[in-house]
């Protein structure tokens, strides 16, 4: 079960990184708002928030 939770975290961070790189390459033509970009940056940089999410996920599974 722990591997699945770690995989979920890794996938979430990877997706956020891909979206940020797309935003960076598009420059001013990007459709992302400043709030969406800030949220994606938080996901990439702050993994403590994701620990809380995984704990809630594990509680839900029980």
C-alpha atoms as a PDB file:
ATOM      1  CA  UNK A   1       0.000   0.000   0.000  1.00  0.00           C
ATOM      2  CA  UNK A   2       2.871   2.366   0.772  1.00  0.00           C
ATOM      3  CA  UNK A   3       4.250   1.939  -2.746  1.00  0.00           C
ATOM      4  CA  UNK A   4       0.890   2.960  -4.196  1.00  0.00           C
ATOM      5  CA  UNK A   5       0.780   6.138  -2.113  1.00  0.00           C
ATOM      6  CA  UNK A   6       4.366   7.002  -3.082  1.00  0.00           C
ATOM      7  CA  UNK A   7       3.478   6.395  -6.717  1.00  0.00           C
ATOM      8  CA  UNK A   8       0.466   8.725  -6.414  1.00  0.00           C
ATOM      9  CA  UNK A   9       2.685  11.470  -4.985  1.00  0.00           C
ATOM     10  CA  UNK A  10       5.294  10.994  -7.686  1.00  0.00           C
ATOM     11  CA  UNK A  11       2.680  11.093 -10.436  1.00  0.00           C
ATOM     12  CA  UNK A  12       1.118  14.257  -9.036  1.00  0.00           C
ATOM     13  CA  UNK A  13       4.485  16.025  -8.878  1.00  0.00           C
ATOM     14  CA  UNK A  14       5.413  14.827 -12.368  1.00  0.00           C
ATOM     15  CA  UNK A  15       2.134  16.106 -13.815  1.00  0.00           C
ATOM     16  CA  UNK A  16       2.629  19.474 -12.116  1.00  0.00           C
ATOM     17  CA  UNK A  17       6.156  19.708 -13.518  1.00  0.00           C
ATOM     18  CA  UNK A  18       4.903  18.947 -17.028  1.00  0.00           C
ATOM     19  CA  UNK A  19       2.204  21.604 -16.778  1.00  0.00           C
ATOM     20  CA  UNK A  20       4.751  24.149 -15.536  1.00  0.00           C
ATOM     21  CA  UNK A  21       7.149  23.371 -18.370  1.00  0.00           C
ATOM     22  CA  UNK A  22       4.294  23.741 -20.869  1.00  0.00           C
ATOM     23  CA  UNK A  23       3.386  27.080 -19.295  1.00  0.00           C
ATOM     24  CA  UNK A  24       7.012  28.214 -19.494  1.00  0.00           C
ATOM     25  CA  UNK A  25       7.370  27.257 -23.149  1.00  0.00           C
ATOM     26  CA  UNK A  26       4.134  29.020 -24.126  1.00  0.00           C
ATOM     27  CA  UNK A  27       5.130  32.227 -22.369  1.00  0.00           C
ATOM     28  CA  UNK A  28       2.511  34.964 -22.563  1.00  0.00           C
ATOM     29  CA  UNK A  29       0.237  32.796 -24.729  1.00  0.00           C
ATOM     30  CA  UNK A  30      -0.345  30.407 -21.817  1.00  0.00           C
ATOM     31  CA  UNK A  31      -3.893  29.915 -20.539  1.00  0.00           C
ATOM     32  CA  UNK A  32      -2.835  29.292 -16.938  1.00  0.00           C
ATOM     33  CA  UNK A  33      -3.752  31.927 -14.384  1.00  0.00           C
ATOM     34  CA  UNK A  34      -1.257  33.095 -11.802  1.00  0.00           C
ATOM     35  CA  UNK A  35      -3.162  31.125  -9.167  1.00  0.00           C
ATOM     36  CA  UNK A  36      -2.922  27.887 -11.129  1.00  0.00           C
ATOM     37  CA  UNK A  37       0.811  28.373 -11.629  1.00  0.00           C
ATOM     38  CA  UNK A  38       1.300  29.134  -7.933  1.00  0.00           C
ATOM     39  CA  UNK A  39      -0.653  26.023  -7.005  1.00  0.00           C
ATOM     40  CA  UNK A  40       1.459  23.874  -9.335  1.00  0.00           C
ATOM     41  CA  UNK A  41       4.649  25.346  -7.894  1.00  0.00           C
ATOM     42  CA  UNK A  42       3.417  24.529  -4.380  1.00  0.00           C
ATOM     43  CA  UNK A  43       2.836  20.916  -5.411  1.00  0.00           C
ATOM     44  CA  UNK A  44       6.355  20.654  -6.832  1.00  0.00           C
ATOM     45  CA  UNK A  45       8.126  22.394  -3.941  1.00  0.00           C
ATOM     46  CA  UNK A  46       6.035  21.502  -0.899  1.00  0.00           C
ATOM     47  CA  UNK A  47       5.582  17.802  -0.330  1.00  0.00           C
ATOM     48  CA  UNK A  48       4.262  18.178   3.232  1.00  0.00           C
ATOM     49  CA  UNK A  49       0.859  19.106   1.827  1.00  0.00           C
ATOM     50  CA  UNK A  50       0.882  15.864  -0.131  1.00  0.00           C
ATOM     51  CA  UNK A  51       1.596  13.853   3.016  1.00  0.00           C
ATOM     52  CA  UNK A  52      -1.675  15.135   4.456  1.00  0.00           C
ATOM     53  CA  UNK A  53      -3.502  14.122   1.295  1.00  0.00           C
ATOM     54  CA  UNK A  54      -2.044  10.624   1.408  1.00  0.00           C
ATOM     55  CA  UNK A  55      -3.043  10.259   5.047  1.00  0.00           C
ATOM     56  CA  UNK A  56      -6.627  11.204   4.174  1.00  0.00           C
ATOM     57  CA  UNK A  57      -6.502   8.783   1.269  1.00  0.00           C
ATOM     58  CA  UNK A  58      -5.392   5.946   3.529  1.00  0.00           C
ATOM     59  CA  UNK A  59      -8.113   6.756   6.062  1.00  0.00           C
ATOM     60  CA  UNK A  60     -10.672   6.688   3.287  1.00  0.00           C
ATOM     61  CA  UNK A  61      -9.412   3.281   2.116  1.00  0.00           C
ATOM     62  CA  UNK A  62      -9.949   1.816   5.601  1.00  0.00           C
END
